[in-house]
């Protein structure tokens, strides 16, 4: 992606609510096999897996005034239906 990521204070609070660590978010954002879904011009969600296999959805918003700088807003574990869609998308991934 070539992007830079920053944790907002609000994000750190949200991570605690969902029992996700900043390290897990960092891993999820930097693995090669991740699914990126743009929710608008400046918001996206990244579906990914940590090194230990935990599946996460990470919500990001583009930082103001800077291209390819993203503020991490929140992260949570994927639900059952999201995990199934994630698996289907990865099966279509070229190796």
C-alpha atoms as a PDB file:
ATOM      1  CA  UNK A   1       0.000   0.000   0.000  1.00  0.00           C
ATOM      2  CA  UNK A   2       2.868   2.414   0.639  1.00  0.00           C
ATOM      3  CA  UNK A   3       0.847   4.109   3.356  1.00  0.00           C
ATOM      4  CA  UNK A   4       1.666   5.400   6.818  1.00  0.00           C
ATOM      5  CA  UNK A   5      -0.575   4.616   9.768  1.00  0.00           C
ATOM      6  CA  UNK A   6      -1.144   6.451  13.062  1.00  0.00           C
ATOM      7  CA  UNK A   7      -3.196   5.555  16.120  1.00  0.00           C
ATOM      8  CA  UNK A   8      -5.582   8.264  17.292  1.00  0.00           C
ATOM      9  CA  UNK A   9      -6.291   8.578  21.007  1.00  0.00           C
ATOM     10  CA  UNK A  10      -9.864   7.526  20.267  1.00  0.00           C
ATOM     11  CA  UNK A  11      -8.590   4.437  18.439  1.00  0.00           C
ATOM     12  CA  UNK A  12      -6.526   3.316  21.408  1.00  0.00           C
ATOM     13  CA  UNK A  13      -9.664   3.502  23.541  1.00  0.00           C
ATOM     14  CA  UNK A  14     -11.658   1.592  20.919  1.00  0.00           C
ATOM     15  CA  UNK A  15      -9.026  -1.136  20.777  1.00  0.00           C
ATOM     16  CA  UNK A  16      -9.424  -1.707  24.513  1.00  0.00           C
ATOM     17  CA  UNK A  17     -13.197  -2.056  24.106  1.00  0.00           C
ATOM     18  CA  UNK A  18     -12.703  -4.767  21.454  1.00  0.00           C
ATOM     19  CA  UNK A  19      -9.742  -6.400  23.252  1.00  0.00           C
ATOM     20  CA  UNK A  20      -7.365  -5.810  20.341  1.00  0.00           C
ATOM     21  CA  UNK A  21      -3.764  -4.739  20.873  1.00  0.00           C
ATOM     22  CA  UNK A  22      -1.956  -2.073  18.817  1.00  0.00           C
ATOM     23  CA  UNK A  23       0.573  -4.775  17.883  1.00  0.00           C
ATOM     24  CA  UNK A  24      -2.159  -6.933  16.376  1.00  0.00           C
ATOM     25  CA  UNK A  25      -3.428  -3.983  14.340  1.00  0.00           C
ATOM     26  CA  UNK A  26       0.087  -3.262  13.111  1.00  0.00           C
ATOM     27  CA  UNK A  27       0.538  -6.899  12.044  1.00  0.00           C
ATOM     28  CA  UNK A  28      -2.840  -6.944  10.281  1.00  0.00           C
ATOM     29  CA  UNK A  29      -2.002  -3.800   8.311  1.00  0.00           C
ATOM     30  CA  UNK A  30       1.370  -5.096   7.138  1.00  0.00           C
ATOM     31  CA  UNK A  31       0.738  -8.696   6.063  1.00  0.00           C
ATOM     32  CA  UNK A  32       0.747  -9.354   2.328  1.00  0.00           C
ATOM     33  CA  UNK A  33      -2.616 -11.131   2.193  1.00  0.00           C
ATOM     34  CA  UNK A  34      -5.196  -8.590   3.257  1.00  0.00           C
ATOM     35  CA  UNK A  35      -8.471  -7.414   1.779  1.00  0.00           C
ATOM     36  CA  UNK A  36      -8.992  -3.658   1.432  1.00  0.00           C
ATOM     37  CA  UNK A  37     -12.488  -2.270   1.038  1.00  0.00           C
ATOM     38  CA  UNK A  38     -12.909   1.440   0.345  1.00  0.00           C
ATOM     39  CA  UNK A  39     -15.993   2.876   2.019  1.00  0.00           C
ATOM     40  CA  UNK A  40     -15.597   6.285   0.384  1.00  0.00           C
ATOM     41  CA  UNK A  41     -12.845   8.593  -0.758  1.00  0.00           C
ATOM     42  CA  UNK A  42     -11.240   8.851   2.641  1.00  0.00           C
ATOM     43  CA  UNK A  43     -12.402   5.803   4.657  1.00  0.00           C
ATOM     44  CA  UNK A  44     -11.480   2.138   4.287  1.00  0.00           C
ATOM     45  CA  UNK A  45     -11.589  -1.105   6.184  1.00  0.00           C
ATOM     46  CA  UNK A  46      -8.813  -3.685   6.028  1.00  0.00           C
ATOM     47  CA  UNK A  47      -9.669  -7.346   6.621  1.00  0.00           C
ATOM     48  CA  UNK A  48      -6.608  -9.290   7.644  1.00  0.00           C
ATOM     49  CA  UNK A  49      -5.041 -11.887   9.912  1.00  0.00           C
ATOM     50  CA  UNK A  50      -2.401 -11.442  12.602  1.00  0.00           C
ATOM     51  CA  UNK A  51       0.666 -13.673  12.836  1.00  0.00           C
ATOM     52  CA  UNK A  52      -1.175 -15.771  15.430  1.00  0.00           C
ATOM     53  CA  UNK A  53      -4.206 -16.202  13.179  1.00  0.00           C
ATOM     54  CA  UNK A  54      -6.594 -13.698  14.731  1.00  0.00           C
ATOM     55  CA  UNK A  55      -8.800 -12.187  12.045  1.00  0.00           C
ATOM     56  CA  UNK A  56      -9.379  -8.452  12.293  1.00  0.00           C
ATOM     57  CA  UNK A  57     -11.278  -5.650  10.618  1.00  0.00           C
ATOM     58  CA  UNK A  58      -9.350  -2.375  10.904  1.00  0.00           C
ATOM     59  CA  UNK A  59     -11.193   0.884  10.202  1.00  0.00           C
ATOM     60  CA  UNK A  60      -9.084   3.730   8.778  1.00  0.00           C
ATOM     61  CA  UNK A  61      -9.674   7.344   7.748  1.00  0.00           C
ATOM     62  CA  UNK A  62      -7.293   9.327   5.588  1.00  0.00           C
ATOM     63  CA  UNK A  63      -5.451  11.914   7.652  1.00  0.00           C
ATOM     64  CA  UNK A  64      -6.304  15.491   6.766  1.00  0.00           C
ATOM     65  CA  UNK A  65      -4.044  17.228   4.299  1.00  0.00           C
ATOM     66  CA  UNK A  66      -1.799  14.266   3.527  1.00  0.00           C
ATOM     67  CA  UNK A  67      -2.189  11.560   0.908  1.00  0.00           C
ATOM     68  CA  UNK A  68      -1.506   7.976   1.966  1.00  0.00           C
ATOM     69  CA  UNK A  69      -1.424   8.840   5.682  1.00  0.00           C
ATOM     70  CA  UNK A  70      -4.175   6.989   7.522  1.00  0.00           C
ATOM     71  CA  UNK A  71      -5.546   7.367  11.025  1.00  0.00           C
ATOM     72  CA  UNK A  72      -6.494   4.084  12.643  1.00  0.00           C
ATOM     73  CA  UNK A  73      -9.965   4.564  14.100  1.00  0.00           C
ATOM     74  CA  UNK A  74     -10.817   1.131  15.460  1.00  0.00           C
ATOM     75  CA  UNK A  75     -10.251  -2.601  15.076  1.00  0.00           C
ATOM     76  CA  UNK A  76     -12.235  -5.657  16.054  1.00  0.00           C
ATOM     77  CA  UNK A  77     -12.304  -9.373  15.459  1.00  0.00           C
ATOM     78  CA  UNK A  78     -14.178 -10.509  12.350  1.00  0.00           C
ATOM     79  CA  UNK A  79     -17.638 -11.944  12.832  1.00  0.00           C
ATOM     80  CA  UNK A  80     -18.548 -15.380  11.512  1.00  0.00           C
ATOM     81  CA  UNK A  81     -20.046 -14.156   8.219  1.00  0.00           C
ATOM     82  CA  UNK A  82     -17.113 -11.779   7.648  1.00  0.00           C
ATOM     83  CA  UNK A  83     -14.665 -14.635   8.244  1.00  0.00           C
ATOM     84  CA  UNK A  84     -16.433 -16.737   5.619  1.00  0.00           C
ATOM     85  CA  UNK A  85     -16.268 -13.900   3.067  1.00  0.00           C
ATOM     86  CA  UNK A  86     -12.608 -13.339   3.953  1.00  0.00           C
ATOM     87  CA  UNK A  87     -11.860 -17.049   3.358  1.00  0.00           C
ATOM     88  CA  UNK A  88     -13.675 -16.925   0.005  1.00  0.00           C
ATOM     89  CA  UNK A  89     -11.691 -13.872  -1.072  1.00  0.00           C
ATOM     90  CA  UNK A  90      -8.404 -15.513  -0.093  1.00  0.00           C
ATOM     91  CA  UNK A  91      -9.266 -18.672  -2.035  1.00  0.00           C
ATOM     92  CA  UNK A  92      -9.463 -16.464  -5.109  1.00  0.00           C
ATOM     93  CA  UNK A  93      -6.054 -14.970  -4.331  1.00  0.00           C
ATOM     94  CA  UNK A  94      -3.393 -15.782  -6.906  1.00  0.00           C
ATOM     95  CA  UNK A  95      -0.369 -17.540  -5.506  1.00  0.00           C
END
